[in-house]
């Protein structure tokens, strides 16, 4: 089940190092792309970057309400 749903109010704010929406963003129409709880680290075997299985969300919102959500996995083969 997705952490987000259409019609959900987007009101989250946080410090500059947070991945949440800023005050100046959440009440304006637009599209944002964000990663939720994703950790990226180097794979000891290959030295390549690897990320957790948390998906990347692209959220289209209007007047602070979620209109459409796209989701994709960060892991690439």
PDB file of N, CA and C in Angstrom:
ATOM      1  N   UNK A   1       0.841  -1.185   0.000  1.00  0.00           N
ATOM      2  CA  UNK A   1       0.000   0.000   0.000  1.00  0.00           C
ATOM      3  C   UNK A   1       0.885   1.248   0.000  1.00  0.00           C
ATOM      4  N   UNK A   2       0.535   2.195  -0.820  1.00  0.00           N
ATOM      5  CA  UNK A   2       1.314   3.420  -0.943  1.00  0.00           C
ATOM      6  C   UNK A   2       1.182   4.274   0.312  1.00  0.00           C
ATOM      7  N   UNK A   3       2.224   5.037   0.584  1.00  0.00           N
ATOM      8  CA  UNK A   3       2.177   5.961   1.715  1.00  0.00           C
ATOM      9  C   UNK A   3       1.349   7.193   1.391  1.00  0.00           C
ATOM     10  N   UNK A   4       1.050   7.385   0.108  1.00  0.00           N
ATOM     11  CA  UNK A   4       0.312   8.556  -0.326  1.00  0.00           C
ATOM     12  C   UNK A   4      -0.933   8.123  -1.068  1.00  0.00           C
ATOM     13  N   UNK A   5      -1.927   8.988  -1.110  1.00  0.00           N
ATOM     14  CA  UNK A   5      -3.119   8.710  -1.899  1.00  0.00           C
ATOM     15  C   UNK A   5      -3.637  10.011  -2.483  1.00  0.00           C
ATOM     16  N   UNK A   6      -4.356   9.909  -3.606  1.00  0.00           N
ATOM     17  CA  UNK A   6      -4.897  11.112  -4.211  1.00  0.00           C
ATOM     18  C   UNK A   6      -5.893  11.750  -3.260  1.00  0.00           C
ATOM     19  N   UNK A   7      -5.928  13.064  -3.268  1.00  0.00           N
ATOM     20  CA  UNK A   7      -6.793  13.797  -2.362  1.00  0.00           C
ATOM     21  C   UNK A   7      -6.180  14.051  -1.004  1.00  0.00           C
ATOM     22  N   UNK A   8      -5.044  13.433  -0.717  1.00  0.00           N
ATOM     23  CA  UNK A   8      -4.382  13.635   0.573  1.00  0.00           C
ATOM     24  C   UNK A   8      -3.799  15.038   0.640  1.00  0.00           C
ATOM     25  N   UNK A   9      -3.918  15.668   1.786  1.00  0.00           N
ATOM     26  CA  UNK A   9      -3.390  17.015   1.972  1.00  0.00           C
ATOM     27  C   UNK A   9      -1.886  16.954   2.179  1.00  0.00           C
ATOM     28  N   UNK A  10      -1.161  17.813   1.475  1.00  0.00           N
ATOM     29  CA  UNK A  10       0.292  17.867   1.598  1.00  0.00           C
ATOM     30  C   UNK A  10       0.635  19.071   2.461  1.00  0.00           C
ATOM     31  N   UNK A  11       1.070  18.822   3.686  1.00  0.00           N
ATOM     32  CA  UNK A  11       1.321  19.918   4.621  1.00  0.00           C
ATOM     33  C   UNK A  11       2.669  19.794   5.317  1.00  0.00           C
ATOM     34  N   UNK A  12       3.491  18.842   4.910  1.00  0.00           N
ATOM     35  CA  UNK A  12       4.710  18.550   5.653  1.00  0.00           C
ATOM     36  C   UNK A  12       5.786  19.591   5.411  1.00  0.00           C
ATOM     37  N   UNK A  13       6.409  20.053   6.475  1.00  0.00           N
ATOM     38  CA  UNK A  13       7.552  20.949   6.388  1.00  0.00           C
ATOM     39  C   UNK A  13       8.675  20.367   7.224  1.00  0.00           C
ATOM     40  N   UNK A  14       9.906  20.774   6.943  1.00  0.00           N
ATOM     41  CA  UNK A  14      11.023  20.274   7.722  1.00  0.00           C
ATOM     42  C   UNK A  14      12.242  21.141   7.535  1.00  0.00           C
ATOM     43  N   UNK A  15      13.338  20.807   8.214  1.00  0.00           N
ATOM     44  CA  UNK A  15      14.579  21.567   8.059  1.00  0.00           C
ATOM     45  C   UNK A  15      15.168  21.372   6.667  1.00  0.00           C
ATOM     46  N   UNK A  16      16.161  22.158   6.330  1.00  0.00           N
ATOM     47  CA  UNK A  16      16.734  22.129   4.984  1.00  0.00           C
ATOM     48  C   UNK A  16      17.304  20.774   4.597  1.00  0.00           C
ATOM     49  N   UNK A  17      17.750  19.978   5.568  1.00  0.00           N
ATOM     50  CA  UNK A  17      18.320  18.674   5.230  1.00  0.00           C
ATOM     51  C   UNK A  17      17.266  17.567   5.209  1.00  0.00           C
ATOM     52  N   UNK A  18      16.013  17.931   5.342  1.00  0.00           N
ATOM     53  CA  UNK A  18      14.930  16.962   5.318  1.00  0.00           C
ATOM     54  C   UNK A  18      14.467  16.756   3.875  1.00  0.00           C
ATOM     55  N   UNK A  19      13.722  15.669   3.619  1.00  0.00           N
ATOM     56  CA  UNK A  19      13.228  15.390   2.268  1.00  0.00           C
ATOM     57  C   UNK A  19      11.767  15.778   2.109  1.00  0.00           C
ATOM     58  N   UNK A  20      11.251  16.592   3.011  1.00  0.00           N
ATOM     59  CA  UNK A  20       9.842  16.961   2.965  1.00  0.00           C
ATOM     60  C   UNK A  20       9.644  18.246   2.174  1.00  0.00           C
ATOM     61  N   UNK A  21       8.407  18.554   1.909  1.00  0.00           N
ATOM     62  CA  UNK A  21       8.080  19.768   1.169  1.00  0.00           C
ATOM     63  C   UNK A  21       8.347  21.008   2.009  1.00  0.00           C
ATOM     64  N   UNK A  22       8.750  22.064   1.351  1.00  0.00           N
ATOM     65  CA  UNK A  22       8.983  23.336   2.031  1.00  0.00           C
ATOM     66  C   UNK A  22       7.696  24.157   2.059  1.00  0.00           C
ATOM     67  N   UNK A  23       7.665  25.117   2.938  1.00  0.00           N
ATOM     68  CA  UNK A  23       6.475  25.952   3.100  1.00  0.00           C
ATOM     69  C   UNK A  23       6.079  26.618   1.790  1.00  0.00           C
ATOM     70  N   UNK A  24       7.070  27.091   1.039  1.00  0.00           N
ATOM     71  CA  UNK A  24       6.759  27.805  -0.201  1.00  0.00           C
ATOM     72  C   UNK A  24       6.326  26.875  -1.326  1.00  0.00           C
ATOM     73  N   UNK A  25       6.425  25.550  -1.132  1.00  0.00           N
ATOM     74  CA  UNK A  25       6.075  24.606  -2.190  1.00  0.00           C
ATOM     75  C   UNK A  25       4.696  23.986  -2.024  1.00  0.00           C
ATOM     76  N   UNK A  26       4.282  23.687  -0.814  1.00  0.00           N
ATOM     77  CA  UNK A  26       3.169  22.754  -0.676  1.00  0.00           C
ATOM     78  C   UNK A  26       1.809  23.327  -1.016  1.00  0.00           C
ATOM     79  N   UNK A  27       1.656  24.646  -1.096  1.00  0.00           N
ATOM     80  CA  UNK A  27       0.355  25.196  -1.457  1.00  0.00           C
ATOM     81  C   UNK A  27       0.312  25.732  -2.877  1.00  0.00           C
ATOM     82  N   UNK A  28       1.302  25.387  -3.698  1.00  0.00           N
ATOM     83  CA  UNK A  28       1.318  25.849  -5.083  1.00  0.00           C
ATOM     84  C   UNK A  28       1.163  24.653  -6.014  1.00  0.00           C
ATOM     85  N   UNK A  29       0.473  24.841  -7.150  1.00  0.00           N
ATOM     86  CA  UNK A  29       0.374  23.747  -8.108  1.00  0.00           C
ATOM     87  C   UNK A  29       1.749  23.363  -8.627  1.00  0.00           C
ATOM     88  N   UNK A  30       1.946  22.087  -8.903  1.00  0.00           N
ATOM     89  CA  UNK A  30       3.222  21.659  -9.446  1.00  0.00           C
ATOM     90  C   UNK A  30       3.460  20.185  -9.235  1.00  0.00           C
ATOM     91  N   UNK A  31       4.654  19.777  -9.583  1.00  0.00           N
ATOM     92  CA  UNK A  31       5.062  18.384  -9.436  1.00  0.00           C
ATOM     93  C   UNK A  31       6.350  18.339  -8.643  1.00  0.00           C
ATOM     94  N   UNK A  32       6.428  17.443  -7.676  1.00  0.00           N
ATOM     95  CA  UNK A  32       7.667  17.244  -6.938  1.00  0.00           C
ATOM     96  C   UNK A  32       8.066  15.782  -7.053  1.00  0.00           C
ATOM     97  N   UNK A  33       9.337  15.527  -6.934  1.00  0.00           N
ATOM     98  CA  UNK A  33       9.849  14.164  -6.899  1.00  0.00           C
ATOM     99  C   UNK A  33      10.638  14.015  -5.617  1.00  0.00           C
ATOM    100  N   UNK A  34      10.357  12.981  -4.849  1.00  0.00           N
ATOM    101  CA  UNK A  34      11.057  12.816  -3.594  1.00  0.00           C
ATOM    102  C   UNK A  34      11.303  11.353  -3.290  1.00  0.00           C
ATOM    103  N   UNK A  35      12.287  11.125  -2.445  1.00  0.00           N
ATOM    104  CA  UNK A  35      12.612   9.791  -1.968  1.00  0.00           C
ATOM    105  C   UNK A  35      12.209   9.731  -0.506  1.00  0.00           C
ATOM    106  N   UNK A  36      11.512   8.676  -0.130  1.00  0.00           N
ATOM    107  CA  UNK A  36      11.045   8.521   1.247  1.00  0.00           C
ATOM    108  C   UNK A  36      11.889   7.458   1.944  1.00  0.00           C
ATOM    109  N   UNK A  37      12.538   7.834   3.046  1.00  0.00           N
ATOM    110  CA  UNK A  37      13.291   6.891   3.882  1.00  0.00           C
ATOM    111  C   UNK A  37      14.262   6.030   3.079  1.00  0.00           C
ATOM    112  N   UNK A  38      14.926   6.610   2.137  1.00  0.00           N
ATOM    113  CA  UNK A  38      15.835   5.824   1.307  1.00  0.00           C
ATOM    114  C   UNK A  38      17.264   6.057   1.752  1.00  0.00           C
ATOM    115  N   UNK A  39      17.995   4.975   1.970  1.00  0.00           N
ATOM    116  CA  UNK A  39      19.404   5.084   2.315  1.00  0.00           C
ATOM    117  C   UNK A  39      20.257   4.616   1.152  1.00  0.00           C
ATOM    118  N   UNK A  40      21.307   5.344   0.854  1.00  0.00           N
ATOM    119  CA  UNK A  40      22.211   4.964  -0.229  1.00  0.00           C
ATOM    120  C   UNK A  40      23.575   4.688   0.376  1.00  0.00           C
ATOM    121  N   UNK A  41      24.173   3.566   0.021  1.00  0.00           N
ATOM    122  CA  UNK A  41      25.493   3.213   0.537  1.00  0.00           C
ATOM    123  C   UNK A  41      26.266   2.484  -0.553  1.00  0.00           C
ATOM    124  N   UNK A  42      27.554   2.309  -0.330  1.00  0.00           N
ATOM    125  CA  UNK A  42      28.381   1.586  -1.295  1.00  0.00           C
ATOM    126  C   UNK A  42      28.311   0.089  -1.024  1.00  0.00           C
ATOM    127  N   UNK A  43      28.139  -0.672  -2.083  1.00  0.00           N
ATOM    128  CA  UNK A  43      28.154  -2.123  -1.994  1.00  0.00           C
ATOM    129  C   UNK A  43      29.605  -2.561  -1.812  1.00  0.00           C
ATOM    130  N   UNK A  44      29.931  -3.239  -0.695  1.00  0.00           N
ATOM    131  CA  UNK A  44      31.323  -3.631  -0.447  1.00  0.00           C
ATOM    132  C   UNK A  44      31.898  -4.518  -1.551  1.00  0.00           C
ATOM    133  N   UNK A  45      31.074  -5.323  -2.187  1.00  0.00           N
ATOM    134  CA  UNK A  45      31.566  -6.250  -3.207  1.00  0.00           C
ATOM    135  C   UNK A  45      31.939  -5.545  -4.508  1.00  0.00           C
ATOM    136  N   UNK A  46      31.149  -4.555  -4.904  1.00  0.00           N
ATOM    137  CA  UNK A  46      31.377  -3.910  -6.199  1.00  0.00           C
ATOM    138  C   UNK A  46      31.859  -2.470  -6.079  1.00  0.00           C
ATOM    139  N   UNK A  47      31.660  -1.850  -4.909  1.00  0.00           N
ATOM    140  CA  UNK A  47      32.016  -0.449  -4.752  1.00  0.00           C
ATOM    141  C   UNK A  47      31.006   0.498  -5.370  1.00  0.00           C
ATOM    142  N   UNK A  48      29.971  -0.066  -5.988  1.00  0.00           N
ATOM    143  CA  UNK A  48      28.938   0.763  -6.606  1.00  0.00           C
ATOM    144  C   UNK A  48      27.916   1.204  -5.573  1.00  0.00           C
ATOM    145  N   UNK A  49      27.287   2.323  -5.842  1.00  0.00           N
ATOM    146  CA  UNK A  49      26.242   2.812  -4.936  1.00  0.00           C
ATOM    147  C   UNK A  49      25.044   1.878  -4.995  1.00  0.00           C
ATOM    148  N   UNK A  50      24.451   1.652  -3.851  1.00  0.00           N
ATOM    149  CA  UNK A  50      23.223   0.866  -3.792  1.00  0.00           C
ATOM    150  C   UNK A  50      22.248   1.615  -2.899  1.00  0.00           C
ATOM    151  N   UNK A  51      20.974   1.437  -3.138  1.00  0.00           N
ATOM    152  CA  UNK A  51      19.968   2.115  -2.333  1.00  0.00           C
ATOM    153  C   UNK A  51      19.027   1.088  -1.738  1.00  0.00           C
ATOM    154  N   UNK A  52      18.243   1.529  -0.782  1.00  0.00           N
ATOM    155  CA  UNK A  52      17.249   0.642  -0.184  1.00  0.00           C
ATOM    156  C   UNK A  52      16.131   0.403  -1.195  1.00  0.00           C
ATOM    157  N   UNK A  53      15.207  -0.439  -0.847  1.00  0.00           N
ATOM    158  CA  UNK A  53      14.115  -0.773  -1.755  1.00  0.00           C
ATOM    159  C   UNK A  53      12.978   0.237  -1.723  1.00  0.00           C
ATOM    160  N   UNK A  54      13.135   1.296  -0.950  1.00  0.00           N
ATOM    161  CA  UNK A  54      12.077   2.304  -0.922  1.00  0.00           C
ATOM    162  C   UNK A  54      11.915   2.916  -2.309  1.00  0.00           C
ATOM    163  N   UNK A  55      10.687   3.095  -2.767  1.00  0.00           N
ATOM    164  CA  UNK A  55      10.471   3.644  -4.100  1.00  0.00           C
ATOM    165  C   UNK A  55      10.661   5.153  -4.147  1.00  0.00           C
ATOM    166  N   UNK A  56      10.805   5.636  -5.356  1.00  0.00           N
ATOM    167  CA  UNK A  56      10.839   7.068  -5.598  1.00  0.00           C
ATOM    168  C   UNK A  56       9.435   7.479  -6.017  1.00  0.00           C
ATOM    169  N   UNK A  57       8.920   8.503  -5.391  1.00  0.00           N
ATOM    170  CA  UNK A  57       7.586   8.983  -5.722  1.00  0.00           C
ATOM    171  C   UNK A  57       7.681  10.294  -6.486  1.00  0.00           C
ATOM    172  N   UNK A  58       6.908  10.428  -7.547  1.00  0.00           N
ATOM    173  CA  UNK A  58       6.688  11.719  -8.180  1.00  0.00           C
ATOM    174  C   UNK A  58       5.228  12.061  -7.937  1.00  0.00           C
ATOM    175  N   UNK A  59       5.001  13.205  -7.337  1.00  0.00           N
ATOM    176  CA  UNK A  59       3.662  13.577  -6.904  1.00  0.00           C
ATOM    177  C   UNK A  59       3.237  14.855  -7.607  1.00  0.00           C
ATOM    178  N   UNK A  60       2.102  14.818  -8.287  1.00  0.00           N
ATOM    179  CA  UNK A  60       1.501  16.007  -8.876  1.00  0.00           C
ATOM    180  C   UNK A  60       0.480  16.530  -7.881  1.00  0.00           C
ATOM    181  N   UNK A  61       0.636  17.782  -7.476  1.00  0.00           N
ATOM    182  CA  UNK A  61      -0.313  18.314  -6.520  1.00  0.00           C
ATOM    183  C   UNK A  61      -0.823  19.668  -6.975  1.00  0.00           C
ATOM    184  N   UNK A  62      -2.021  20.025  -6.507  1.00  0.00           N
ATOM    185  CA  UNK A  62      -2.658  21.280  -6.867  1.00  0.00           C
ATOM    186  C   UNK A  62      -3.312  21.841  -5.617  1.00  0.00           C
ATOM    187  N   UNK A  63      -2.959  23.062  -5.260  1.00  0.00           N
ATOM    188  CA  UNK A  63      -3.525  23.721  -4.085  1.00  0.00           C
ATOM    189  C   UNK A  63      -3.317  22.887  -2.831  1.00  0.00           C
ATOM    190  N   UNK A  64      -2.176  22.225  -2.757  1.00  0.00           N
ATOM    191  CA  UNK A  64      -1.841  21.458  -1.567  1.00  0.00           C
ATOM    192  C   UNK A  64      -2.435  20.073  -1.505  1.00  0.00           C
ATOM    193  N   UNK A  65      -3.219  19.678  -2.498  1.00  0.00           N
ATOM    194  CA  UNK A  65      -3.823  18.356  -2.504  1.00  0.00           C
ATOM    195  C   UNK A  65      -3.175  17.490  -3.576  1.00  0.00           C
ATOM    196  N   UNK A  66      -2.923  16.229  -3.246  1.00  0.00           N
ATOM    197  CA  UNK A  66      -2.311  15.307  -4.196  1.00  0.00           C
ATOM    198  C   UNK A  66      -3.325  14.947  -5.280  1.00  0.00           C
ATOM    199  N   UNK A  67      -2.905  15.096  -6.542  1.00  0.00           N
ATOM    200  CA  UNK A  67      -3.769  14.780  -7.672  1.00  0.00           C
ATOM    201  C   UNK A  67      -3.398  13.447  -8.317  1.00  0.00           C
ATOM    202  N   UNK A  68      -2.097  13.186  -8.476  1.00  0.00           N
ATOM    203  CA  UNK A  68      -1.648  11.959  -9.126  1.00  0.00           C
ATOM    204  C   UNK A  68      -0.291  11.574  -8.565  1.00  0.00           C
ATOM    205  N   UNK A  69      -0.019  10.263  -8.525  1.00  0.00           N
ATOM    206  CA  UNK A  69       1.222   9.754  -7.945  1.00  0.00           C
ATOM    207  C   UNK A  69       1.841   8.740  -8.901  1.00  0.00           C
ATOM    208  N   UNK A  70       3.123   8.887  -9.152  1.00  0.00           N
ATOM    209  CA  UNK A  70       3.890   7.891  -9.898  1.00  0.00           C
ATOM    210  C   UNK A  70       4.927   7.320  -8.946  1.00  0.00           C
ATOM    211  N   UNK A  71       5.217   6.049  -9.086  1.00  0.00           N
ATOM    212  CA  UNK A  71       6.151   5.384  -8.181  1.00  0.00           C
ATOM    213  C   UNK A  71       7.077   4.495  -9.003  1.00  0.00           C
ATOM    214  N   UNK A  72       8.382   4.507  -8.665  1.00  0.00           N
ATOM    215  CA  UNK A  72       9.306   3.594  -9.319  1.00  0.00           C
ATOM    216  C   UNK A  72      10.367   3.173  -8.324  1.00  0.00           C
ATOM    217  N   UNK A  73      10.970   2.043  -8.596  1.00  0.00           N
ATOM    218  CA  UNK A  73      11.990   1.518  -7.703  1.00  0.00           C
ATOM    219  C   UNK A  73      13.335   2.145  -8.035  1.00  0.00           C
ATOM    220  N   UNK A  74      14.147   2.393  -7.002  1.00  0.00           N
ATOM    221  CA  UNK A  74      15.455   3.006  -7.204  1.00  0.00           C
ATOM    222  C   UNK A  74      16.518   2.009  -7.649  1.00  0.00           C
ATOM    223  N   UNK A  75      16.280   0.724  -7.460  1.00  0.00           N
ATOM    224  CA  UNK A  75      17.272  -0.289  -7.806  1.00  0.00           C
ATOM    225  C   UNK A  75      17.294  -0.481  -9.324  1.00  0.00           C
ATOM    226  N   UNK A  76      18.481  -0.393  -9.891  1.00  0.00           N
ATOM    227  CA  UNK A  76      18.627  -0.619 -11.329  1.00  0.00           C
ATOM    228  C   UNK A  76      19.527  -1.825 -11.549  1.00  0.00           C
ATOM    229  N   UNK A  77      19.148  -2.675 -12.487  1.00  0.00           N
ATOM    230  CA  UNK A  77      19.946  -3.872 -12.788  1.00  0.00           C
ATOM    231  C   UNK A  77      21.094  -3.528 -13.711  1.00  0.00           C
TER     232      UNK A  77
END
